[in-house]
N, C-alpha and C. Protein backbone atom coordinates (compact mmCIF):
# COMPACT_ATOMS: atom_id res chain seq x y z
N MET A 1 9.26 58.69 5.11
CA MET A 1 9.15 57.24 4.84
C MET A 1 8.09 56.59 5.72
N GLN A 2 8.13 56.95 7.03
CA GLN A 2 7.15 56.36 7.94
C GLN A 2 5.73 56.73 7.54
N ILE A 3 5.55 57.96 7.10
CA ILE A 3 4.21 58.40 6.68
C ILE A 3 3.74 57.59 5.49
N LEU A 4 4.65 57.34 4.53
CA LEU A 4 4.30 56.54 3.35
C LEU A 4 3.94 55.11 3.74
N LEU A 5 4.71 54.54 4.68
CA LEU A 5 4.43 53.17 5.13
C LEU A 5 3.09 53.09 5.83
N LYS A 6 2.80 54.10 6.66
CA LYS A 6 1.51 54.12 7.36
C LYS A 6 0.35 54.24 6.38
N CYS A 7 0.53 55.07 5.37
CA CYS A 7 -0.53 55.23 4.36
C CYS A 7 -0.74 53.94 3.58
N ARG A 8 0.37 53.27 3.25
CA ARG A 8 0.27 52.01 2.52
C ARG A 8 -0.41 50.94 3.37
N PHE A 9 -0.04 50.90 4.64
CA PHE A 9 -0.65 49.94 5.56
C PHE A 9 -2.16 50.18 5.67
N LYS A 10 -2.54 51.45 5.79
CA LYS A 10 -3.97 51.78 5.90
C LYS A 10 -4.73 51.39 4.64
N ARG A 11 -4.11 51.58 3.48
CA ARG A 11 -4.76 51.19 2.22
C ARG A 11 -4.94 49.68 2.14
N ILE A 12 -3.89 48.96 2.54
CA ILE A 12 -3.97 47.50 2.52
C ILE A 12 -5.04 47.01 3.49
N LEU A 13 -5.05 47.59 4.69
CA LEU A 13 -6.05 47.21 5.69
C LEU A 13 -7.46 47.50 5.21
N ALA A 14 -7.65 48.67 4.62
CA ALA A 14 -8.97 49.04 4.10
C ALA A 14 -9.40 48.09 2.99
N SER A 15 -8.46 47.70 2.14
CA SER A 15 -8.77 46.77 1.05
C SER A 15 -9.17 45.41 1.59
N LEU A 16 -8.46 44.95 2.63
CA LEU A 16 -8.79 43.66 3.24
C LEU A 16 -10.17 43.69 3.87
N ILE A 17 -10.47 44.77 4.56
CA ILE A 17 -11.79 44.89 5.19
C ILE A 17 -12.89 44.89 4.13
N CYS A 18 -12.68 45.63 3.06
CA CYS A 18 -13.67 45.66 1.97
C CYS A 18 -13.85 44.28 1.35
N LEU A 19 -12.74 43.56 1.20
CA LEU A 19 -12.81 42.22 0.62
C LEU A 19 -13.60 41.28 1.52
N ILE A 20 -13.33 41.33 2.82
CA ILE A 20 -14.05 40.47 3.76
C ILE A 20 -15.53 40.79 3.76
N VAL A 21 -15.87 42.07 3.79
CA VAL A 21 -17.28 42.47 3.76
C VAL A 21 -17.96 41.99 2.49
N ALA A 22 -17.27 42.13 1.35
CA ALA A 22 -17.84 41.68 0.08
C ALA A 22 -18.06 40.18 0.08
N MET A 23 -17.12 39.43 0.65
CA MET A 23 -17.26 37.97 0.72
C MET A 23 -18.43 37.57 1.61
N ILE A 24 -18.60 38.27 2.72
CA ILE A 24 -19.71 37.98 3.62
C ILE A 24 -21.04 38.24 2.93
N VAL A 25 -21.15 39.39 2.26
CA VAL A 25 -22.39 39.74 1.56
C VAL A 25 -22.70 38.74 0.46
N ALA A 26 -21.68 38.36 -0.30
CA ALA A 26 -21.89 37.40 -1.40
C ALA A 26 -22.29 36.03 -0.87
N ALA A 27 -21.62 35.58 0.19
CA ALA A 27 -21.94 34.27 0.76
C ALA A 27 -23.37 34.25 1.29
N ASP A 28 -23.75 35.31 2.01
CA ASP A 28 -25.12 35.40 2.53
C ASP A 28 -26.14 35.37 1.39
N TYR A 29 -25.86 36.11 0.34
CA TYR A 29 -26.79 36.20 -0.79
C TYR A 29 -27.01 34.82 -1.41
N PHE A 30 -25.94 34.12 -1.72
CA PHE A 30 -26.08 32.83 -2.39
C PHE A 30 -26.73 31.78 -1.49
N VAL A 31 -26.34 31.76 -0.22
CA VAL A 31 -26.93 30.78 0.70
C VAL A 31 -28.42 31.05 0.88
N ASP A 32 -28.79 32.30 1.14
CA ASP A 32 -30.19 32.63 1.39
C ASP A 32 -31.05 32.43 0.15
N ARG A 33 -30.55 32.85 -1.00
CA ARG A 33 -31.32 32.72 -2.23
C ARG A 33 -31.57 31.25 -2.57
N THR A 34 -30.58 30.41 -2.34
CA THR A 34 -30.68 29.00 -2.67
C THR A 34 -31.65 28.26 -1.76
N THR A 35 -31.80 28.72 -0.53
CA THR A 35 -32.55 27.94 0.47
C THR A 35 -33.91 28.53 0.82
N ASP A 36 -34.29 29.63 0.21
CA ASP A 36 -35.53 30.33 0.59
C ASP A 36 -36.76 29.43 0.62
N LYS A 37 -36.88 28.53 -0.35
CA LYS A 37 -38.09 27.71 -0.46
C LYS A 37 -37.95 26.36 0.26
N LEU A 38 -36.87 26.20 1.00
CA LEU A 38 -36.59 24.90 1.62
C LEU A 38 -36.58 24.95 3.14
N ILE A 39 -36.93 26.10 3.71
CA ILE A 39 -36.99 26.22 5.16
C ILE A 39 -38.42 26.52 5.59
N PHE A 40 -38.79 25.99 6.76
CA PHE A 40 -40.17 26.08 7.21
C PHE A 40 -40.24 26.49 8.68
N ASP A 41 -41.13 27.43 8.96
CA ASP A 41 -41.44 27.81 10.34
C ASP A 41 -42.71 27.13 10.82
N ASN A 42 -43.63 26.87 9.89
CA ASN A 42 -44.93 26.28 10.21
C ASN A 42 -44.87 24.77 10.02
N ILE A 43 -45.11 24.03 11.07
CA ILE A 43 -45.01 22.57 10.99
C ILE A 43 -46.03 21.97 10.04
N ASP A 44 -47.15 22.65 9.83
CA ASP A 44 -48.16 22.12 8.92
C ASP A 44 -47.69 22.14 7.47
N ASP A 45 -46.75 23.00 7.16
CA ASP A 45 -46.31 23.17 5.78
C ASP A 45 -45.14 22.26 5.39
N ILE A 46 -44.41 21.79 6.36
CA ILE A 46 -43.19 21.04 6.04
C ILE A 46 -43.54 19.63 5.57
N PRO A 47 -42.91 19.14 4.51
CA PRO A 47 -43.20 17.78 4.03
C PRO A 47 -42.64 16.72 4.97
N HIS A 48 -43.17 15.52 4.84
CA HIS A 48 -42.69 14.40 5.65
C HIS A 48 -41.38 13.87 5.10
N ASN A 49 -40.47 13.53 5.98
CA ASN A 49 -39.26 12.79 5.65
C ASN A 49 -39.10 11.66 6.65
N LYS A 50 -38.55 10.56 6.20
CA LYS A 50 -38.34 9.44 7.12
C LYS A 50 -37.42 9.84 8.26
N VAL A 51 -36.37 10.56 7.93
CA VAL A 51 -35.33 10.88 8.92
C VAL A 51 -35.23 12.39 9.14
N GLY A 52 -35.12 12.76 10.40
CA GLY A 52 -34.78 14.14 10.75
C GLY A 52 -33.40 14.14 11.38
N ILE A 53 -32.57 15.07 10.98
CA ILE A 53 -31.24 15.21 11.59
C ILE A 53 -31.19 16.51 12.37
N VAL A 54 -30.98 16.40 13.66
CA VAL A 54 -30.88 17.60 14.50
C VAL A 54 -29.40 17.87 14.74
N LEU A 55 -29.01 19.11 14.53
CA LEU A 55 -27.61 19.49 14.64
C LEU A 55 -27.29 19.87 16.08
N GLY A 56 -26.25 19.24 16.60
CA GLY A 56 -25.93 19.36 18.01
C GLY A 56 -25.33 20.70 18.41
N THR A 57 -25.44 20.98 19.68
CA THR A 57 -24.78 22.13 20.30
C THR A 57 -24.67 21.82 21.78
N SER A 58 -23.95 22.63 22.51
CA SER A 58 -23.76 22.36 23.94
C SER A 58 -25.06 22.60 24.71
N LYS A 59 -25.27 21.78 25.72
CA LYS A 59 -26.48 21.91 26.53
C LYS A 59 -26.43 23.15 27.42
N TYR A 60 -25.22 23.49 27.83
CA TYR A 60 -25.06 24.64 28.73
C TYR A 60 -24.06 25.64 28.15
N LEU A 61 -24.26 26.90 28.48
CA LEU A 61 -23.31 27.94 28.12
C LEU A 61 -22.11 27.88 29.06
N LYS A 62 -21.06 28.60 28.73
CA LYS A 62 -19.87 28.63 29.59
C LYS A 62 -20.19 29.16 30.98
N SER A 63 -21.22 29.98 31.07
CA SER A 63 -21.65 30.53 32.36
C SER A 63 -22.36 29.50 33.22
N GLY A 64 -22.73 28.36 32.61
CA GLY A 64 -23.50 27.35 33.32
C GLY A 64 -24.99 27.45 33.09
N SER A 65 -25.42 28.50 32.43
CA SER A 65 -26.85 28.67 32.12
C SER A 65 -27.27 27.75 30.99
N PRO A 66 -28.54 27.35 30.95
CA PRO A 66 -29.02 26.52 29.84
C PRO A 66 -28.85 27.23 28.51
N ASN A 67 -28.48 26.48 27.50
CA ASN A 67 -28.29 27.01 26.15
C ASN A 67 -29.62 26.94 25.40
N ARG A 68 -30.21 28.08 25.07
CA ARG A 68 -31.52 28.08 24.43
C ARG A 68 -31.47 27.50 23.02
N TYR A 69 -30.33 27.59 22.37
CA TYR A 69 -30.21 26.94 21.06
C TYR A 69 -30.46 25.44 21.21
N PHE A 70 -29.85 24.85 22.21
CA PHE A 70 -30.01 23.42 22.50
C PHE A 70 -31.47 23.10 22.83
N THR A 71 -32.01 23.83 23.81
CA THR A 71 -33.37 23.56 24.27
C THR A 71 -34.38 23.68 23.13
N ASN A 72 -34.26 24.71 22.32
CA ASN A 72 -35.22 24.93 21.25
C ASN A 72 -35.10 23.91 20.13
N ARG A 73 -33.90 23.41 19.88
CA ARG A 73 -33.74 22.35 18.87
C ARG A 73 -34.38 21.05 19.35
N VAL A 74 -34.23 20.76 20.63
CA VAL A 74 -34.87 19.57 21.19
C VAL A 74 -36.39 19.68 21.07
N LEU A 75 -36.93 20.83 21.42
CA LEU A 75 -38.38 21.02 21.35
C LEU A 75 -38.89 20.90 19.92
N ALA A 76 -38.17 21.48 18.97
CA ALA A 76 -38.58 21.42 17.56
C ALA A 76 -38.53 19.99 17.04
N THR A 77 -37.51 19.25 17.43
CA THR A 77 -37.37 17.85 16.99
C THR A 77 -38.49 17.00 17.55
N ALA A 78 -38.78 17.17 18.83
CA ALA A 78 -39.87 16.42 19.45
C ALA A 78 -41.20 16.74 18.78
N GLU A 79 -41.42 17.99 18.45
CA GLU A 79 -42.66 18.41 17.79
C GLU A 79 -42.80 17.74 16.43
N LEU A 80 -41.73 17.70 15.65
CA LEU A 80 -41.77 17.05 14.33
C LEU A 80 -42.13 15.58 14.46
N TYR A 81 -41.51 14.91 15.41
CA TYR A 81 -41.78 13.48 15.59
C TYR A 81 -43.22 13.25 16.04
N GLN A 82 -43.67 14.00 17.01
CA GLN A 82 -45.01 13.82 17.55
C GLN A 82 -46.10 14.15 16.55
N ARG A 83 -45.80 15.02 15.59
CA ARG A 83 -46.77 15.37 14.55
C ARG A 83 -46.65 14.48 13.32
N GLY A 84 -45.79 13.49 13.37
CA GLY A 84 -45.65 12.54 12.26
C GLY A 84 -44.92 13.09 11.06
N LYS A 85 -44.12 14.12 11.24
CA LYS A 85 -43.37 14.71 10.12
C LYS A 85 -42.03 14.03 9.90
N ILE A 86 -41.54 13.32 10.90
CA ILE A 86 -40.36 12.47 10.78
C ILE A 86 -40.63 11.18 11.54
N ASP A 87 -39.97 10.10 11.12
CA ASP A 87 -40.20 8.79 11.75
C ASP A 87 -39.08 8.40 12.70
N CYS A 88 -37.89 8.91 12.48
CA CYS A 88 -36.79 8.66 13.40
C CYS A 88 -35.80 9.81 13.31
N ILE A 89 -34.85 9.81 14.22
CA ILE A 89 -34.00 10.98 14.42
C ILE A 89 -32.53 10.58 14.45
N VAL A 90 -31.71 11.33 13.73
CA VAL A 90 -30.26 11.24 13.87
C VAL A 90 -29.79 12.52 14.55
N ILE A 91 -29.07 12.36 15.65
CA ILE A 91 -28.49 13.52 16.34
C ILE A 91 -27.02 13.58 15.98
N SER A 92 -26.62 14.64 15.33
CA SER A 92 -25.24 14.77 14.86
C SER A 92 -24.55 15.90 15.62
N GLY A 93 -23.52 15.53 16.39
CA GLY A 93 -22.84 16.54 17.18
C GLY A 93 -21.45 16.12 17.59
N ASP A 94 -20.89 16.88 18.48
CA ASP A 94 -19.49 16.76 18.88
C ASP A 94 -19.37 15.89 20.13
N ASN A 95 -18.53 14.87 20.03
CA ASN A 95 -18.16 14.04 21.19
C ASN A 95 -16.64 13.82 21.16
N SER A 96 -15.92 14.90 20.88
CA SER A 96 -14.46 14.80 20.72
C SER A 96 -13.73 14.70 22.06
N ARG A 97 -14.45 14.96 23.17
CA ARG A 97 -13.86 14.80 24.50
C ARG A 97 -14.75 13.90 25.34
N LYS A 98 -14.15 13.20 26.29
CA LYS A 98 -14.91 12.29 27.14
C LYS A 98 -15.94 13.03 27.99
N ASP A 99 -15.64 14.27 28.31
CA ASP A 99 -16.54 15.03 29.19
C ASP A 99 -17.50 15.93 28.42
N TYR A 100 -17.61 15.71 27.10
CA TYR A 100 -18.47 16.57 26.28
C TYR A 100 -19.15 15.71 25.23
N ASN A 101 -20.47 15.63 25.31
CA ASN A 101 -21.20 14.70 24.44
C ASN A 101 -22.53 15.32 24.00
N GLU A 102 -22.48 16.10 22.94
CA GLU A 102 -23.70 16.75 22.44
C GLU A 102 -24.79 15.75 22.06
N PRO A 103 -24.48 14.69 21.28
CA PRO A 103 -25.54 13.76 20.88
C PRO A 103 -26.23 13.09 22.06
N LEU A 104 -25.45 12.63 23.03
CA LEU A 104 -26.05 11.94 24.18
C LEU A 104 -26.90 12.89 25.01
N ASP A 105 -26.45 14.12 25.20
CA ASP A 105 -27.25 15.09 25.94
C ASP A 105 -28.59 15.33 25.25
N MET A 106 -28.57 15.46 23.94
CA MET A 106 -29.81 15.68 23.20
C MET A 106 -30.71 14.44 23.25
N LYS A 107 -30.09 13.28 23.13
CA LYS A 107 -30.87 12.03 23.20
C LYS A 107 -31.61 11.94 24.53
N ASN A 108 -30.93 12.20 25.62
CA ASN A 108 -31.57 12.11 26.94
C ASN A 108 -32.74 13.07 27.06
N ASP A 109 -32.59 14.27 26.53
CA ASP A 109 -33.68 15.25 26.60
C ASP A 109 -34.84 14.85 25.69
N LEU A 110 -34.54 14.30 24.52
CA LEU A 110 -35.61 13.85 23.62
C LEU A 110 -36.40 12.70 24.23
N ILE A 111 -35.72 11.80 24.91
CA ILE A 111 -36.42 10.70 25.59
C ILE A 111 -37.36 11.26 26.65
N GLN A 112 -36.91 12.29 27.36
CA GLN A 112 -37.77 12.93 28.36
C GLN A 112 -39.00 13.57 27.73
N HIS A 113 -38.90 13.90 26.43
CA HIS A 113 -40.05 14.48 25.71
C HIS A 113 -40.88 13.40 25.01
N GLY A 114 -40.64 12.15 25.35
CA GLY A 114 -41.48 11.07 24.86
C GLY A 114 -41.04 10.41 23.58
N ILE A 115 -39.83 10.68 23.09
CA ILE A 115 -39.34 10.04 21.88
C ILE A 115 -38.78 8.67 22.25
N PRO A 116 -39.24 7.59 21.60
CA PRO A 116 -38.72 6.25 21.91
C PRO A 116 -37.22 6.16 21.63
N GLU A 117 -36.50 5.50 22.52
CA GLU A 117 -35.05 5.41 22.38
C GLU A 117 -34.65 4.72 21.09
N ASN A 118 -35.46 3.74 20.65
CA ASN A 118 -35.09 2.99 19.44
C ASN A 118 -35.33 3.78 18.15
N LYS A 119 -35.86 4.98 18.28
CA LYS A 119 -36.04 5.86 17.12
C LYS A 119 -34.94 6.91 17.01
N ILE A 120 -33.96 6.82 17.89
CA ILE A 120 -32.90 7.82 17.94
C ILE A 120 -31.55 7.18 17.61
N TYR A 121 -30.84 7.79 16.67
CA TYR A 121 -29.51 7.33 16.27
C TYR A 121 -28.52 8.47 16.53
N LEU A 122 -27.33 8.09 16.98
CA LEU A 122 -26.34 9.09 17.38
C LEU A 122 -25.16 9.13 16.42
N ASP A 123 -24.84 10.32 15.98
CA ASP A 123 -23.65 10.56 15.18
C ASP A 123 -22.68 11.36 16.04
N TYR A 124 -21.70 10.66 16.59
CA TYR A 124 -20.77 11.29 17.52
C TYR A 124 -19.68 12.10 16.82
N ALA A 125 -19.61 12.02 15.51
CA ALA A 125 -18.53 12.69 14.77
C ALA A 125 -19.02 13.86 13.93
N GLY A 126 -20.14 14.44 14.32
CA GLY A 126 -20.62 15.64 13.63
C GLY A 126 -19.92 16.87 14.18
N LEU A 127 -18.62 16.92 13.96
CA LEU A 127 -17.80 18.00 14.54
C LEU A 127 -18.12 19.35 13.92
N ARG A 128 -18.56 19.32 12.66
CA ARG A 128 -18.93 20.55 11.95
C ARG A 128 -20.21 20.27 11.19
N THR A 129 -20.93 21.32 10.85
CA THR A 129 -22.13 21.16 10.03
C THR A 129 -21.79 20.49 8.71
N TYR A 130 -20.67 20.86 8.13
CA TYR A 130 -20.22 20.26 6.87
C TYR A 130 -20.05 18.75 7.03
N ASP A 131 -19.42 18.33 8.12
CA ASP A 131 -19.23 16.90 8.39
C ASP A 131 -20.57 16.20 8.55
N SER A 132 -21.49 16.84 9.27
CA SER A 132 -22.80 16.23 9.52
C SER A 132 -23.55 15.96 8.23
N MET A 133 -23.48 16.88 7.27
CA MET A 133 -24.19 16.72 6.01
C MET A 133 -23.59 15.59 5.16
N ILE A 134 -22.30 15.42 5.22
CA ILE A 134 -21.68 14.33 4.46
C ILE A 134 -21.94 12.99 5.16
N ARG A 135 -21.85 12.98 6.47
CA ARG A 135 -22.01 11.73 7.22
C ARG A 135 -23.45 11.21 7.19
N ILE A 136 -24.44 12.11 7.14
CA ILE A 136 -25.82 11.63 7.09
C ILE A 136 -26.06 10.81 5.83
N HIS A 137 -25.29 11.10 4.78
CA HIS A 137 -25.39 10.33 3.54
C HIS A 137 -24.44 9.13 3.54
N LYS A 138 -23.16 9.38 3.78
CA LYS A 138 -22.16 8.31 3.64
C LYS A 138 -22.21 7.28 4.76
N ILE A 139 -22.57 7.69 5.97
CA ILE A 139 -22.61 6.77 7.10
C ILE A 139 -24.02 6.26 7.36
N PHE A 140 -25.00 7.16 7.33
CA PHE A 140 -26.37 6.79 7.68
C PHE A 140 -27.25 6.50 6.47
N GLY A 141 -26.70 6.65 5.28
CA GLY A 141 -27.38 6.22 4.06
C GLY A 141 -28.58 7.04 3.65
N GLN A 142 -28.67 8.29 4.07
CA GLN A 142 -29.84 9.11 3.77
C GLN A 142 -29.55 10.11 2.65
N LYS A 143 -30.45 10.18 1.69
CA LYS A 143 -30.33 11.16 0.60
C LYS A 143 -31.41 12.23 0.68
N SER A 144 -32.44 11.97 1.50
CA SER A 144 -33.54 12.91 1.68
C SER A 144 -33.86 12.98 3.17
N PHE A 145 -33.88 14.18 3.74
CA PHE A 145 -34.03 14.28 5.19
C PHE A 145 -34.44 15.70 5.58
N THR A 146 -34.86 15.83 6.83
CA THR A 146 -35.22 17.12 7.41
C THR A 146 -34.16 17.54 8.41
N ILE A 147 -33.68 18.77 8.27
CA ILE A 147 -32.68 19.31 9.19
C ILE A 147 -33.38 20.15 10.24
N ILE A 148 -32.98 19.98 11.50
CA ILE A 148 -33.58 20.76 12.58
C ILE A 148 -32.51 21.58 13.28
N SER A 149 -32.67 22.89 13.22
CA SER A 149 -31.80 23.84 13.90
C SER A 149 -32.45 25.21 13.79
N GLN A 150 -31.73 26.25 14.18
CA GLN A 150 -32.25 27.60 13.97
C GLN A 150 -32.13 27.97 12.49
N GLU A 151 -32.90 28.96 12.05
CA GLU A 151 -32.99 29.27 10.62
C GLU A 151 -31.62 29.55 9.99
N PHE A 152 -30.81 30.38 10.62
CA PHE A 152 -29.52 30.73 10.02
C PHE A 152 -28.66 29.49 9.81
N HIS A 153 -28.75 28.55 10.73
CA HIS A 153 -27.98 27.31 10.68
C HIS A 153 -28.56 26.36 9.64
N ASN A 154 -29.88 26.27 9.62
CA ASN A 154 -30.55 25.43 8.62
C ASN A 154 -30.18 25.83 7.20
N ARG A 155 -30.14 27.13 6.96
CA ARG A 155 -29.83 27.60 5.61
C ARG A 155 -28.44 27.12 5.16
N ARG A 156 -27.48 27.23 6.05
CA ARG A 156 -26.12 26.79 5.69
C ARG A 156 -26.07 25.28 5.48
N ALA A 157 -26.74 24.54 6.35
CA ALA A 157 -26.74 23.08 6.23
C ALA A 157 -27.43 22.63 4.94
N ILE A 158 -28.56 23.25 4.62
CA ILE A 158 -29.28 22.89 3.39
C ILE A 158 -28.43 23.22 2.16
N PHE A 159 -27.76 24.36 2.19
CA PHE A 159 -26.91 24.74 1.06
C PHE A 159 -25.83 23.69 0.83
N ILE A 160 -25.20 23.24 1.90
CA ILE A 160 -24.18 22.19 1.78
C ILE A 160 -24.80 20.93 1.21
N ALA A 161 -25.95 20.53 1.75
CA ALA A 161 -26.62 19.31 1.27
C ALA A 161 -26.91 19.39 -0.22
N LYS A 162 -27.43 20.53 -0.67
CA LYS A 162 -27.75 20.68 -2.09
C LYS A 162 -26.50 20.56 -2.95
N GLN A 163 -25.40 21.12 -2.50
CA GLN A 163 -24.17 21.03 -3.28
C GLN A 163 -23.65 19.59 -3.35
N LYS A 164 -24.09 18.76 -2.41
CA LYS A 164 -23.72 17.34 -2.41
C LYS A 164 -24.81 16.47 -3.02
N SER A 165 -25.74 17.11 -3.75
CA SER A 165 -26.83 16.40 -4.46
C SER A 165 -27.75 15.65 -3.51
N LEU A 166 -27.97 16.20 -2.32
CA LEU A 166 -28.89 15.63 -1.35
C LEU A 166 -30.14 16.49 -1.27
N GLU A 167 -31.27 15.87 -0.93
CA GLU A 167 -32.54 16.58 -0.83
C GLU A 167 -32.84 16.86 0.64
N ALA A 168 -32.78 18.11 1.01
CA ALA A 168 -32.99 18.47 2.41
C ALA A 168 -33.92 19.66 2.53
N VAL A 169 -34.74 19.61 3.59
CA VAL A 169 -35.53 20.77 3.99
C VAL A 169 -35.17 21.06 5.45
N GLY A 170 -35.50 22.24 5.91
CA GLY A 170 -35.17 22.61 7.28
C GLY A 170 -36.38 23.06 8.06
N TYR A 171 -36.47 22.59 9.30
CA TYR A 171 -37.50 23.06 10.21
C TYR A 171 -36.83 23.97 11.23
N ASN A 172 -37.30 25.20 11.30
CA ASN A 172 -36.64 26.22 12.11
C ASN A 172 -37.05 26.14 13.57
N ALA A 173 -36.10 25.79 14.42
CA ALA A 173 -36.31 25.91 15.85
C ALA A 173 -36.35 27.39 16.22
N GLN A 174 -36.99 27.70 17.31
CA GLN A 174 -37.06 29.10 17.75
C GLN A 174 -35.65 29.65 17.95
N ASP A 175 -35.43 30.85 17.47
CA ASP A 175 -34.11 31.47 17.57
C ASP A 175 -33.91 32.09 18.95
N VAL A 176 -32.70 32.55 19.18
CA VAL A 176 -32.34 33.23 20.42
C VAL A 176 -32.27 34.73 20.12
N ASP A 177 -32.64 35.56 21.08
CA ASP A 177 -32.64 37.00 20.82
C ASP A 177 -31.24 37.49 20.48
N MET A 178 -31.17 38.61 19.78
CA MET A 178 -29.91 39.13 19.25
C MET A 178 -28.89 39.38 20.34
N TYR A 179 -29.33 39.83 21.50
CA TYR A 179 -28.39 40.12 22.59
C TYR A 179 -27.63 38.87 23.02
N ASN A 180 -28.36 37.77 23.20
CA ASN A 180 -27.74 36.53 23.66
C ASN A 180 -27.10 35.74 22.52
N GLY A 181 -27.54 36.01 21.29
CA GLY A 181 -27.02 35.23 20.17
C GLY A 181 -26.08 36.00 19.26
N PHE A 182 -25.61 37.17 19.71
CA PHE A 182 -24.80 38.03 18.83
C PHE A 182 -23.52 37.33 18.37
N LYS A 183 -22.78 36.72 19.29
CA LYS A 183 -21.52 36.07 18.92
C LYS A 183 -21.76 34.94 17.93
N THR A 184 -22.84 34.20 18.14
CA THR A 184 -23.16 33.10 17.23
C THR A 184 -23.45 33.62 15.83
N LYS A 185 -24.18 34.73 15.75
CA LYS A 185 -24.51 35.30 14.44
C LYS A 185 -23.26 35.80 13.72
N VAL A 186 -22.32 36.36 14.47
CA VAL A 186 -21.06 36.82 13.87
C VAL A 186 -20.27 35.63 13.34
N ARG A 187 -20.18 34.57 14.14
CA ARG A 187 -19.46 33.36 13.70
C ARG A 187 -20.10 32.78 12.45
N GLU A 188 -21.42 32.87 12.37
CA GLU A 188 -22.13 32.32 11.21
C GLU A 188 -21.70 33.00 9.92
N ARG A 189 -21.46 34.31 9.97
CA ARG A 189 -21.02 35.02 8.77
C ARG A 189 -19.73 34.42 8.21
N PHE A 190 -18.80 34.11 9.09
CA PHE A 190 -17.52 33.56 8.64
C PHE A 190 -17.65 32.07 8.30
N ALA A 191 -18.55 31.37 8.97
CA ALA A 191 -18.79 29.96 8.65
C ALA A 191 -19.33 29.82 7.23
N ARG A 192 -20.11 30.80 6.79
CA ARG A 192 -20.64 30.74 5.43
C ARG A 192 -19.55 30.95 4.39
N ILE A 193 -18.57 31.78 4.70
CA ILE A 193 -17.43 31.92 3.80
C ILE A 193 -16.65 30.62 3.74
N LYS A 194 -16.43 30.02 4.90
CA LYS A 194 -15.63 28.79 4.95
C LYS A 194 -16.30 27.64 4.19
N LEU A 195 -17.63 27.60 4.18
CA LEU A 195 -18.29 26.50 3.49
C LEU A 195 -17.96 26.52 2.00
N PHE A 196 -17.80 27.70 1.42
CA PHE A 196 -17.44 27.78 0.01
C PHE A 196 -16.02 27.27 -0.22
N ILE A 197 -15.15 27.51 0.74
CA ILE A 197 -13.79 26.96 0.64
C ILE A 197 -13.83 25.44 0.74
N ASP A 198 -14.60 24.92 1.70
CA ASP A 198 -14.73 23.47 1.85
C ASP A 198 -15.26 22.82 0.58
N LEU A 199 -16.28 23.45 -0.01
CA LEU A 199 -16.86 22.90 -1.23
C LEU A 199 -15.87 22.97 -2.39
N ALA A 200 -15.11 24.05 -2.46
CA ALA A 200 -14.16 24.22 -3.56
C ALA A 200 -13.05 23.18 -3.53
N ILE A 201 -12.61 22.81 -2.33
CA ILE A 201 -11.53 21.83 -2.21
C ILE A 201 -12.05 20.42 -1.96
N ASP A 202 -13.39 20.26 -1.98
CA ASP A 202 -14.02 18.96 -1.72
C ASP A 202 -13.52 18.37 -0.40
N ALA A 203 -13.60 19.17 0.65
CA ALA A 203 -13.16 18.73 1.97
C ALA A 203 -13.96 17.51 2.42
N GLN A 204 -13.32 16.66 3.21
CA GLN A 204 -13.95 15.46 3.73
C GLN A 204 -14.04 15.54 5.25
N PRO A 205 -14.99 14.84 5.85
CA PRO A 205 -15.11 14.86 7.31
C PRO A 205 -13.84 14.34 7.98
N LYS A 206 -13.60 14.79 9.19
CA LYS A 206 -12.44 14.30 9.94
C LYS A 206 -12.56 12.81 10.20
N HIS A 207 -13.80 12.34 10.41
CA HIS A 207 -14.05 10.92 10.67
C HIS A 207 -15.15 10.42 9.75
N LEU A 208 -14.98 9.23 9.21
CA LEU A 208 -16.07 8.54 8.50
C LEU A 208 -16.38 7.27 9.28
N GLY A 209 -16.05 6.09 8.75
CA GLY A 209 -16.32 4.88 9.51
C GLY A 209 -17.27 3.95 8.79
N GLU A 210 -17.75 2.94 9.53
CA GLU A 210 -18.64 1.93 8.98
C GLU A 210 -20.06 2.48 8.85
N PRO A 211 -20.79 2.02 7.82
CA PRO A 211 -22.19 2.45 7.66
C PRO A 211 -23.05 2.05 8.85
N ILE A 212 -24.05 2.86 9.13
CA ILE A 212 -25.02 2.58 10.19
C ILE A 212 -26.41 2.55 9.56
N LYS A 213 -27.10 1.44 9.70
CA LYS A 213 -28.42 1.29 9.10
C LYS A 213 -29.47 1.97 9.98
N VAL A 214 -30.25 2.83 9.37
CA VAL A 214 -31.31 3.54 10.08
C VAL A 214 -32.63 2.84 9.79
N GLU A 215 -33.25 2.30 10.83
CA GLU A 215 -34.52 1.58 10.68
C GLU A 215 -35.60 2.35 11.43
N CYS A 216 -36.55 2.86 10.70
CA CYS A 216 -37.59 3.70 11.30
C CYS A 216 -38.92 2.97 11.48
N ASP A 217 -39.04 1.77 10.94
CA ASP A 217 -40.32 1.06 11.00
C ASP A 217 -40.57 0.50 12.40
C-alpha cells in the first residue's frame, strides 16, 4: 500500500511540476511576443511621450548595498527627460510603511540628476506593477506613456497596459547580471503567471483615490 501511495504521490508531483513549467513557458511566450516591438534599448529610436512612468524598487538591498535595479532606472529616466523623450515623470512605487518610500527615494535621486521637482509626480500606491498600470490611467489620467524599468519588467508592464487598452512603450534600463539578479528573474516567471490571473478576474488596485492632474508644460 505504501509503495502505491508513494508512486501516486510522485505522479501527482510530476504532473504539477509539468503544469507549472508549461504555464511559465506559455506566459513568457505570450508576453514576449506581444511586446517585442514596444520595447527600446536605443534612446534615439523611442518615440516621445508626454509622461514617463518609472516603476519603483528599493534603493538598497537587504545587505545594505545599493540596488542596481534602482540606480539604473533612475539613470534611464533622467536620460529620457534630458533628451526630450518625456516631459514629466510619474514615479510609481511602494510606500506601505512609514520607513519605506520607493517614490520619494527615486524623486530625490532624480532631482540630484537635474530633473526639476515640478516635473515629478509621486504615486505612493504602486504596490504592484499591475496596480501601477491601472493607476497611471485612472488616477493620473494617462492613456499613452513610456514605462521605464529593466526589459523583463517592461515587457510585463506593457502587456498589462495593452490588455487595459492603453498605449505604452518601454525604455530598458540597464539590467543586473544574472548572478545578482537570479532571484528577481525567478520571481518574474511567477509574476507573469499571476498577471493572467489578475486579468482574468479583472483585479483592481488595493488603493485608488482622487484623480491627480499631471501638468507637463
